Protein backbone atom coordinates (compact mmCIF):
# COMPACT_ATOMS: atom_id res chain seq x y z
CA MET A 1 -35.28 -34.13 -49.83
CA ARG A 2 -35.63 -33.31 -53.49
CA ALA A 3 -36.59 -36.18 -55.76
CA ARG A 4 -33.95 -38.23 -57.54
CA THR A 5 -34.28 -41.12 -59.92
CA LEU A 6 -32.93 -44.50 -58.96
CA LEU A 7 -30.70 -44.35 -62.00
CA SER A 8 -28.74 -41.41 -60.63
CA TRP A 9 -27.72 -43.53 -57.64
CA THR A 10 -26.94 -46.77 -59.46
CA VAL A 11 -24.95 -45.47 -62.41
CA THR A 12 -21.41 -46.82 -62.40
CA ILE A 13 -18.69 -44.31 -61.54
CA LEU A 14 -14.95 -44.69 -61.48
CA SER A 15 -14.79 -44.72 -57.69
CA LEU A 16 -16.99 -44.19 -54.66
CA GLY A 17 -15.27 -41.00 -53.59
CA GLN A 18 -15.39 -38.66 -56.56
CA GLY A 19 -16.27 -38.10 -60.18
CA PRO A 20 -14.05 -39.06 -63.11
CA ALA A 21 -10.34 -38.32 -62.80
CA SER A 22 -7.32 -39.45 -64.77
CA ALA A 23 -5.38 -42.37 -63.35
CA ASP A 24 -2.34 -40.27 -62.51
CA ASP A 25 -4.24 -37.69 -60.43
CA TRP A 26 -4.51 -37.50 -56.63
CA PRO A 27 -7.59 -35.28 -56.40
CA GLN A 28 -8.39 -35.77 -52.71
CA TRP A 29 -7.23 -37.21 -49.40
CA LEU A 30 -5.76 -40.73 -49.79
CA GLY A 31 -6.01 -40.66 -53.59
CA PRO A 32 -8.60 -41.11 -56.36
CA GLN A 33 -10.50 -43.84 -54.50
CA ARG A 34 -9.59 -42.72 -50.95
CA ASP A 35 -7.96 -46.10 -50.41
CA SER A 36 -4.25 -45.18 -50.05
CA VAL A 37 -3.36 -46.99 -53.29
CA TRP A 38 -1.21 -45.44 -56.03
CA ARG A 39 -1.94 -47.17 -59.34
CA GLU A 40 0.29 -45.22 -61.69
CA THR A 41 2.91 -47.13 -63.69
CA GLY A 42 6.48 -46.20 -64.63
CA ILE A 43 7.56 -45.70 -61.02
CA VAL A 44 11.03 -46.39 -59.62
CA ASP A 45 11.57 -49.73 -57.88
CA ARG A 46 14.66 -48.43 -56.07
CA PHE A 47 15.92 -44.92 -55.36
CA PRO A 48 19.01 -43.70 -57.26
CA ALA A 49 22.28 -43.73 -55.33
CA GLU A 50 22.52 -39.95 -55.75
CA GLY A 51 18.99 -39.49 -54.39
CA LEU A 52 15.68 -38.56 -55.96
CA ALA A 53 15.37 -35.48 -58.19
CA VAL A 54 13.58 -32.48 -56.66
CA LYS A 55 11.57 -30.83 -59.45
CA TRP A 56 10.53 -27.71 -57.53
CA ARG A 57 9.98 -26.12 -54.14
CA THR A 58 7.39 -23.39 -53.50
CA PRO A 59 6.97 -21.44 -50.24
CA VAL A 60 3.76 -22.01 -48.27
CA GLY A 61 2.55 -21.11 -44.78
CA LEU A 62 1.41 -23.21 -41.83
CA GLY A 63 -0.73 -26.24 -42.41
CA TYR A 64 -1.49 -29.91 -41.85
CA SER A 65 -3.50 -29.90 -45.09
CA GLY A 66 -2.12 -32.26 -47.70
CA PRO A 67 -2.01 -31.31 -51.38
CA ALA A 68 -4.51 -32.46 -54.01
CA VAL A 69 -3.38 -32.92 -57.62
CA ALA A 70 -5.77 -32.78 -60.58
CA GLY A 71 -4.67 -32.30 -64.15
CA GLN A 72 -1.92 -29.72 -64.13
CA ARG A 73 -3.04 -28.16 -60.85
CA VAL A 74 -1.97 -28.67 -57.25
CA VAL A 75 -4.23 -27.26 -54.55
CA VAL A 76 -3.24 -26.87 -50.90
CA MET A 77 -4.31 -24.81 -47.89
CA ASP A 78 -2.23 -22.85 -45.39
CA TYR A 79 -2.45 -20.23 -42.64
CA LEU A 80 -0.60 -16.93 -42.23
CA PRO A 81 -0.75 -15.78 -38.57
CA ARG A 82 -0.57 -12.06 -37.73
CA GLU A 83 -1.04 -12.13 -33.96
CA GLY A 84 -0.64 -14.76 -31.28
CA GLU A 85 1.81 -17.59 -30.72
CA VAL A 86 1.61 -21.05 -32.25
CA VAL A 87 1.86 -23.22 -29.13
CA ASN A 88 1.02 -26.92 -29.35
CA ASN A 89 -0.63 -27.58 -26.02
CA PRO A 90 -2.76 -30.76 -26.10
CA GLY A 91 -4.71 -29.51 -23.09
CA ALA A 92 -5.68 -26.01 -24.19
CA ARG A 93 -6.82 -24.00 -27.19
CA ALA A 94 -4.58 -21.28 -28.61
CA ARG A 95 -5.82 -17.97 -29.99
CA LEU A 96 -4.40 -16.63 -33.26
CA GLU A 97 -5.37 -13.88 -35.68
CA GLY A 98 -4.51 -14.35 -39.32
CA ALA A 99 -5.62 -15.44 -42.77
CA GLU A 100 -6.46 -18.86 -44.12
CA ARG A 101 -5.50 -19.41 -47.76
CA ILE A 102 -6.17 -21.74 -50.66
CA LEU A 103 -3.31 -21.90 -53.16
CA CYS A 104 -3.36 -23.37 -56.66
CA LEU A 105 -0.01 -24.18 -58.27
CA ASP A 106 1.18 -25.41 -61.63
CA ALA A 107 1.99 -29.11 -61.13
CA ALA A 108 4.94 -29.00 -63.54
CA THR A 109 6.70 -25.88 -62.21
CA GLY A 110 5.32 -25.02 -58.77
CA GLU A 111 4.30 -21.56 -59.98
CA VAL A 112 1.39 -20.12 -57.99
CA LEU A 113 -1.52 -19.68 -60.40
CA TRP A 114 -4.03 -18.19 -57.95
CA THR A 115 -4.73 -17.75 -54.26
CA HIS A 116 -7.88 -17.13 -52.29
CA ALA A 117 -7.47 -15.76 -48.75
CA TYR A 118 -9.87 -14.77 -45.99
CA ASP A 119 -9.37 -13.52 -42.45
CA ARG A 120 -9.98 -16.17 -39.82
CA ALA A 121 -9.19 -16.18 -36.12
CA TYR A 122 -8.15 -19.53 -34.67
CA ASP A 123 -9.20 -20.79 -31.25
CA ILE A 124 -8.10 -24.43 -31.35
CA SER A 125 -5.42 -26.70 -29.95
CA TYR A 126 -2.42 -27.30 -32.22
CA PRO A 127 -3.26 -24.16 -34.22
CA GLY A 128 -0.71 -24.67 -37.00
CA GLY A 129 -3.04 -24.28 -39.94
CA PRO A 130 -5.84 -26.03 -41.86
CA ARG A 131 -6.22 -29.79 -41.50
CA CYS A 132 -8.22 -30.92 -44.51
CA THR A 133 -6.90 -31.86 -47.92
CA PRO A 134 -8.85 -30.10 -50.69
CA THR A 135 -11.26 -32.25 -52.72
CA VAL A 136 -11.22 -31.68 -56.49
CA ASP A 137 -14.28 -32.75 -58.45
CA GLY A 138 -14.29 -31.86 -62.12
CA ASP A 139 -13.81 -28.11 -62.51
CA ARG A 140 -14.41 -27.36 -58.83
CA VAL A 141 -12.43 -27.67 -55.63
CA TYR A 142 -13.95 -27.97 -52.15
CA THR A 143 -12.04 -26.86 -49.05
CA LEU A 144 -12.73 -26.95 -45.32
CA GLY A 145 -10.79 -24.67 -42.97
CA ALA A 146 -9.84 -25.35 -39.38
CA GLU A 147 -12.64 -23.11 -38.04
CA GLY A 148 -15.38 -24.46 -40.32
CA ASP A 149 -15.18 -22.34 -43.48
CA LEU A 150 -16.51 -24.61 -46.24
CA LEU A 151 -15.87 -23.28 -49.75
CA CYS A 152 -16.55 -24.36 -53.31
CA LEU A 153 -14.22 -22.65 -55.79
CA ALA A 154 -13.63 -22.77 -59.53
CA LEU A 155 -10.46 -24.73 -60.18
CA ASP A 156 -9.40 -22.56 -63.10
CA ASP A 157 -9.28 -19.17 -61.36
CA GLY A 158 -10.22 -19.61 -57.68
CA ARG A 159 -13.47 -17.65 -57.78
CA VAL A 160 -15.85 -18.60 -54.97
CA ILE A 161 -18.97 -20.37 -56.25
CA TRP A 162 -20.54 -20.88 -52.82
CA SER A 163 -19.47 -20.92 -49.20
CA LYS A 164 -20.77 -21.81 -45.73
CA ASP A 165 -19.72 -20.99 -42.18
CA LEU A 166 -20.45 -24.34 -40.52
CA LYS A 167 -20.18 -22.99 -36.97
CA ARG A 168 -22.73 -20.26 -37.59
CA GLU A 169 -25.13 -22.30 -39.71
CA TYR A 170 -25.22 -25.29 -37.37
CA ARG A 171 -24.83 -23.38 -34.10
CA THR A 172 -21.74 -25.19 -32.95
CA GLU A 173 -18.09 -24.52 -32.17
CA ALA A 174 -14.95 -25.88 -33.74
CA PRO A 175 -13.84 -29.23 -32.32
CA PHE A 176 -10.99 -28.92 -29.84
CA TRP A 177 -8.41 -29.72 -32.54
CA GLY A 178 -10.30 -27.93 -35.30
CA PHE A 179 -12.38 -29.12 -38.24
CA ALA A 180 -10.31 -31.99 -39.64
CA SER A 181 -12.63 -34.37 -41.53
CA HIS A 182 -11.85 -34.17 -45.24
CA PRO A 183 -15.08 -33.48 -47.20
CA LEU A 184 -16.30 -36.29 -49.45
CA VAL A 185 -17.91 -35.80 -52.87
CA ALA A 186 -19.96 -38.72 -54.17
CA GLN A 187 -22.13 -38.26 -57.26
CA ASP A 188 -24.14 -35.05 -56.75
CA LEU A 189 -23.62 -34.63 -53.00
CA LEU A 190 -20.92 -33.26 -50.72
CA TYR A 191 -20.72 -34.91 -47.29
CA CYS A 192 -19.19 -33.00 -44.41
CA LEU A 193 -19.03 -33.21 -40.61
CA ALA A 194 -20.61 -30.08 -39.19
CA GLY A 195 -21.53 -30.71 -35.55
CA GLY A 196 -24.48 -29.39 -33.58
CA GLU A 197 -27.78 -31.00 -32.64
CA GLY A 198 -28.94 -33.42 -35.31
CA SER A 199 -26.21 -32.30 -37.73
CA VAL A 200 -23.03 -34.22 -36.97
CA VAL A 201 -23.04 -34.98 -40.71
CA VAL A 202 -24.67 -32.94 -43.45
CA ALA A 203 -25.22 -33.73 -47.12
CA LEU A 204 -25.13 -30.72 -49.44
CA ASP A 205 -25.88 -30.27 -53.10
CA LYS A 206 -22.36 -29.97 -54.49
CA GLN A 207 -23.46 -27.48 -57.15
CA THR A 208 -25.22 -24.98 -54.89
CA GLY A 209 -24.30 -25.82 -51.28
CA ALA A 210 -28.00 -26.25 -50.41
CA GLU A 211 -28.62 -28.73 -47.61
CA VAL A 212 -30.21 -32.00 -48.72
CA TRP A 213 -30.25 -33.73 -45.33
CA ARG A 214 -28.65 -33.69 -41.88
CA ALA A 215 -28.25 -36.53 -39.38
CA LEU A 216 -26.89 -37.70 -36.01
CA SER A 217 -26.23 -36.04 -32.68
CA ALA A 218 -23.19 -36.49 -30.44
CA SER A 219 -21.09 -34.65 -27.87
CA SER A 220 -18.76 -33.65 -30.71
CA ALA A 221 -18.54 -34.33 -34.43
CA GLY A 222 -15.01 -35.67 -34.01
CA TYR A 223 -12.42 -35.71 -36.78
CA CYS A 224 -13.09 -38.83 -38.88
CA PRO A 225 -13.71 -38.20 -42.60
CA PRO A 226 -17.02 -39.36 -44.08
CA THR A 227 -16.27 -42.69 -45.77
CA MET A 228 -18.25 -44.48 -48.47
CA ILE A 229 -18.23 -48.27 -48.72
CA GLU A 230 -20.23 -50.77 -50.72
CA HIS A 231 -21.18 -54.23 -49.53
CA ALA A 232 -23.73 -56.73 -50.81
CA GLY A 233 -24.81 -54.24 -53.45
CA THR A 234 -25.60 -51.44 -50.98
CA ARG A 235 -23.67 -48.20 -50.57
CA GLN A 236 -23.17 -47.15 -46.96
CA LEU A 237 -21.90 -43.81 -45.67
CA LEU A 238 -19.75 -44.39 -42.57
CA ILE A 239 -19.73 -41.69 -39.91
CA TRP A 240 -17.59 -42.31 -36.84
CA HIS A 241 -18.20 -39.68 -34.19
CA PRO A 242 -16.79 -39.89 -30.62
CA GLU A 243 -19.65 -42.09 -29.40
CA SER A 244 -20.31 -44.62 -32.16
CA LEU A 245 -19.56 -45.86 -35.65
CA ASN A 246 -22.62 -45.44 -37.87
CA ALA A 247 -23.62 -46.52 -41.36
CA LEU A 248 -26.14 -44.29 -43.16
CA ASP A 249 -28.11 -44.38 -46.37
CA PRO A 250 -26.16 -41.81 -48.43
CA ARG A 251 -29.35 -40.67 -50.17
CA THR A 252 -31.37 -39.84 -47.07
CA GLY A 253 -29.23 -39.98 -43.92
CA GLU A 254 -31.26 -42.86 -42.50
CA VAL A 255 -29.16 -44.89 -40.06
CA TYR A 256 -28.64 -48.48 -41.21
CA TRP A 257 -26.65 -49.61 -38.15
CA SER A 258 -24.69 -48.22 -35.23
CA VAL A 259 -21.95 -49.73 -33.03
CA PRO A 260 -20.67 -48.05 -29.84
CA LEU A 261 -17.01 -47.09 -30.26
CA LYS A 262 -15.69 -44.39 -27.93
CA PRO A 263 -12.05 -43.34 -28.34
CA GLY A 264 -10.26 -41.25 -25.74
CA TYR A 265 -10.50 -37.45 -25.82
CA GLU A 266 -13.27 -37.61 -28.45
CA MET A 267 -10.55 -38.45 -30.99
CA SER A 268 -12.39 -40.44 -33.65
CA ILE A 269 -9.91 -39.64 -36.41
CA THR A 270 -8.84 -42.32 -38.88
CA ALA A 271 -11.22 -43.63 -41.51
CA PRO A 272 -12.67 -47.13 -41.00
CA ARG A 273 -11.07 -49.61 -43.40
CA GLN A 274 -12.95 -52.27 -45.34
CA LEU A 275 -11.55 -55.52 -46.74
CA GLY A 276 -14.21 -57.84 -48.11
CA ASN A 277 -16.86 -58.32 -45.42
CA ARG A 278 -14.59 -56.99 -42.66
CA LEU A 279 -14.48 -53.43 -41.36
CA PHE A 280 -11.84 -52.13 -38.93
CA ALA A 281 -11.79 -48.89 -36.95
CA SER A 282 -9.41 -47.81 -34.20
CA GLY A 283 -8.28 -44.83 -32.17
CA ILE A 284 -6.57 -43.58 -29.07
CA GLY A 285 -7.18 -45.28 -25.72
CA SER A 286 -6.84 -48.89 -26.98
CA VAL A 287 -10.20 -48.54 -28.72
CA ALA A 288 -10.64 -50.75 -31.76
CA ALA A 289 -13.28 -52.97 -33.31
CA MET A 290 -13.27 -55.49 -36.12
CA LEU A 291 -16.76 -55.79 -37.59
CA GLN A 292 -18.33 -58.28 -39.95
CA LEU A 293 -20.70 -56.81 -42.53
CA GLU A 294 -23.85 -58.83 -43.19
CA GLU A 295 -24.57 -60.10 -46.67
CA ALA A 296 -28.36 -59.87 -46.78
CA LYS A 297 -28.85 -56.31 -45.54
CA PRO A 298 -26.88 -53.26 -44.31
CA ALA A 299 -25.90 -54.46 -40.83
CA ALA A 300 -22.76 -55.28 -38.86
CA GLU A 301 -21.70 -57.26 -35.81
CA VAL A 302 -18.57 -56.95 -33.68
CA LEU A 303 -16.12 -59.84 -34.12
CA TRP A 304 -13.60 -58.56 -31.57
CA ARG A 305 -12.60 -55.42 -29.72
CA GLY A 306 -9.08 -54.30 -29.03
CA GLN A 307 -7.13 -54.99 -25.86
CA VAL A 308 -4.14 -53.05 -24.54
CA LYS A 309 -1.46 -55.18 -26.20
CA ASN A 310 -3.14 -56.23 -29.43
CA ALA A 311 -4.53 -54.60 -32.59
CA VAL A 312 -3.36 -51.21 -33.89
CA TYR A 313 -4.59 -47.93 -32.46
CA SER A 314 -4.18 -45.33 -35.18
CA ALA A 315 -4.62 -41.58 -34.90
CA ASN A 316 -2.76 -39.41 -37.41
CA ALA A 317 -2.50 -41.97 -40.20
CA THR A 318 -5.24 -44.29 -41.44
CA PRO A 319 -4.14 -47.96 -41.37
CA PHE A 320 -3.98 -50.30 -44.37
CA LEU A 321 -5.64 -53.73 -44.63
CA GLU A 322 -4.16 -56.41 -46.88
CA ASP A 323 -4.07 -60.22 -47.01
CA GLY A 324 -5.59 -60.60 -43.57
CA MET A 325 -3.24 -58.09 -41.95
CA ILE A 326 -3.58 -54.62 -40.42
CA TYR A 327 -0.61 -52.27 -40.94
CA GLY A 328 -0.60 -48.94 -39.14
CA ALA A 329 1.17 -46.49 -36.85
CA ASP A 330 0.12 -47.01 -33.23
CA CYS A 331 -0.71 -43.71 -31.54
CA MET A 332 0.34 -44.81 -28.06
CA SER A 333 3.73 -46.37 -28.77
CA GLY A 334 4.49 -44.61 -32.06
CA ALA A 335 5.57 -47.86 -33.70
CA LEU A 336 4.51 -49.20 -37.08
CA VAL A 337 2.60 -52.37 -36.22
CA CYS A 338 1.46 -55.46 -38.11
CA ALA A 339 -1.53 -57.25 -36.55
CA ARG A 340 -3.78 -60.07 -37.73
CA MET A 341 -7.29 -59.16 -38.80
CA GLU A 342 -8.57 -62.47 -37.46
CA ASP A 343 -7.95 -61.68 -33.80
CA GLY A 344 -5.80 -58.55 -33.51
CA GLU A 345 -2.65 -60.39 -32.46
CA ARG A 346 0.46 -58.31 -33.10
CA LEU A 347 3.07 -60.01 -35.29
CA TRP A 348 5.74 -57.31 -35.27
CA GLU A 349 6.37 -53.63 -34.60
CA THR A 350 9.16 -51.21 -35.45
CA PHE A 351 10.02 -47.56 -34.87
CA GLN A 352 12.23 -47.41 -37.97
CA PRO A 353 9.73 -45.62 -40.27
CA THR A 354 8.07 -43.44 -37.60
CA SER A 355 10.09 -41.89 -34.77
CA GLY A 356 13.29 -43.70 -35.70
CA ASP A 357 14.47 -45.49 -32.59
CA ARG A 358 12.20 -44.95 -29.59
CA ARG A 359 8.67 -44.78 -28.27
CA ALA A 360 6.98 -41.55 -29.30
CA SER A 361 3.38 -40.58 -28.64
CA HIS A 362 1.56 -40.37 -31.98
CA GLY A 363 4.63 -41.47 -33.91
CA THR A 364 3.50 -41.22 -37.51
CA ALA A 365 4.11 -42.74 -40.93
CA PHE A 366 1.61 -42.31 -43.76
CA LEU A 367 1.23 -45.52 -45.81
CA VAL A 368 0.50 -45.68 -49.55
CA LYS A 369 0.54 -48.97 -51.44
CA HIS A 370 2.13 -49.18 -54.89
CA ALA A 371 2.33 -52.53 -56.69
CA ASP A 372 4.06 -54.94 -54.28
CA ARG A 373 5.62 -52.22 -52.11
CA PHE A 374 4.66 -49.31 -49.90
CA PHE A 375 5.71 -45.69 -49.93
CA LEU A 376 5.80 -44.36 -46.37
CA PHE A 377 6.15 -40.68 -45.50
CA SER A 378 7.60 -40.38 -42.02
CA GLU A 379 7.10 -37.65 -39.44
CA LYS A 380 10.80 -36.85 -39.91
CA GLY A 381 10.10 -35.80 -43.52
CA ASP A 382 11.57 -38.95 -45.12
CA LEU A 383 10.07 -40.80 -48.07
CA ILE A 384 10.62 -44.52 -47.49
CA LEU A 385 10.25 -47.41 -49.91
CA ALA A 386 9.51 -50.66 -48.08
CA ARG A 387 7.88 -54.06 -48.24
CA LEU A 388 5.42 -55.01 -45.51
CA SER A 389 4.53 -58.63 -44.84
CA PRO A 390 3.30 -60.72 -41.90
CA GLU A 391 6.94 -61.67 -41.33
CA ARG A 392 8.70 -58.31 -41.23
CA TYR A 393 9.20 -54.68 -42.17
CA GLU A 394 11.78 -54.55 -44.98
CA GLU A 395 13.11 -51.07 -45.78
CA LEU A 396 14.46 -50.75 -49.32
CA ASP A 397 15.31 -47.05 -49.65
CA ARG A 398 14.91 -43.70 -47.95
CA PHE A 399 15.11 -40.08 -49.16
CA HIS A 400 14.82 -36.93 -47.03
CA VAL A 401 12.18 -34.73 -48.66
CA LEU A 402 11.35 -32.04 -46.07
CA GLU A 403 12.47 -30.71 -42.72
CA PRO A 404 10.05 -31.41 -39.86
CA THR A 405 8.96 -27.85 -39.04
CA ASN A 406 6.19 -28.59 -36.54
CA GLU A 407 6.48 -29.80 -32.93
CA ALA A 408 4.70 -32.50 -30.96
CA PHE A 409 5.52 -33.81 -27.50
CA GLY A 410 8.97 -32.24 -27.59
CA ARG A 411 10.10 -33.56 -30.98
CA ASP A 412 10.14 -32.07 -34.48
CA VAL A 413 7.52 -33.51 -36.84
CA VAL A 414 5.80 -33.06 -40.17
CA TRP A 415 2.24 -34.37 -40.02
CA SER A 416 0.85 -33.84 -43.51
CA HIS A 417 -0.23 -36.59 -45.90
CA PRO A 418 1.55 -36.36 -49.29
CA ALA A 419 0.03 -36.81 -52.74
CA PHE A 420 1.30 -39.23 -55.38
CA ALA A 421 0.61 -38.18 -58.97
CA HIS A 422 2.30 -37.52 -62.31
CA ARG A 423 5.01 -40.02 -61.26
CA CYS A 424 5.94 -37.67 -58.42
CA VAL A 425 5.36 -37.19 -54.72
CA PHE A 426 4.02 -33.81 -53.57
CA ALA A 427 4.65 -33.09 -49.87
CA ARG A 428 4.53 -30.03 -47.62
CA ASN A 429 5.67 -28.75 -44.26
CA ASP A 430 5.07 -25.30 -42.73
CA LYS A 431 7.51 -23.58 -45.08
CA GLU A 432 7.34 -25.18 -48.51
CA LEU A 433 5.54 -27.52 -50.87
CA VAL A 434 7.94 -29.87 -52.67
CA CYS A 435 7.61 -31.98 -55.81
CA VAL A 436 10.01 -34.95 -56.10
CA SER A 437 10.20 -37.19 -59.16
CA LEU A 438 9.57 -40.91 -58.73
CA ALA A 439 9.62 -41.67 -62.45
CA ALA A 440 11.60 -44.67 -63.64
CA ASP A 441 14.21 -43.89 -66.30
């Protein structure tokens, strides 16, 4: 690894996940600090009786990729199939021919400023487009396609600065459900799940794409985004692949600690969540663990593991930890669940913000905290304003933003995380990207 001074790793930055960004941007998955918190002020506390104002709608193609908003630019990915049928079979891959695209739009008007497209055949299950939200860092944007095309582009005009074919370079194949772990930029490195022997995670120089280090081996890389935490003065890069949850030295890839955690179907998906000295991770198959982080050194011990009828087992949407509680959409029942961090006991559950009124496998609501409330984006395409507490789910308002254009388990869904920026919500389905004002009068 090339030499670096200690100063370059200890300098204070605005957040662990990216370089400087204005407070009203949403430059990557889950927001400026990748913590599902929207800190902008001047936001409505109730929705108008006549509904929220739609500022613009712009056509887009297929995609699970959420939008990123930086400055006056919105970046999103999509897929335009030419041959093959988009069939969502959880037990088989589907073959498509088409083009993957990166689109950059004007945040104020929705006008398309530039596009970059490349031919890419798909051979994955649920083939409805790219999965990863673009990551904007300064004047560059980093994207990862469903088949492993990793690109660094200039934000102003979309020119390609560098690119990598992860499957070819690391001699691997796309995970069953495609490359889905949102790349992470921290200081001068880009972290990405690649797969292959000894290269589940790779650290690249963000300026050139040159490999700095690679680490870990597993049956599959899985789908969980690289996650940076800090505890007891030490930064730890969390990598959850289908066999274990691991903490690495972000400078070298050295493994600090590892805890076995094996979700069903190799579906390590949602990011581990930290609150103080606690760390929670969960996935399909009633697999969950609450860990305690040690104070004296980078290490962790398991406090409890999930049982069938406790905890929250999240898949599509990363849960939220607050005031000793876990809030999240349970992938087995499809309900939004509140459980205690202390022991995983469930306090309440409701289908109201997910599937509506019934059990639904992978019922989904994306949670974003704002002040004393939450904005939830449901799989039905509704934006919901609610309060969540240990006592109850309290829905305040609801506005239908988008039609659910995808399909899962026989029901219509939209499974794409929105962005909250410029006092607006930016959300997409497989037909359009929409900007809706949330500004208070």
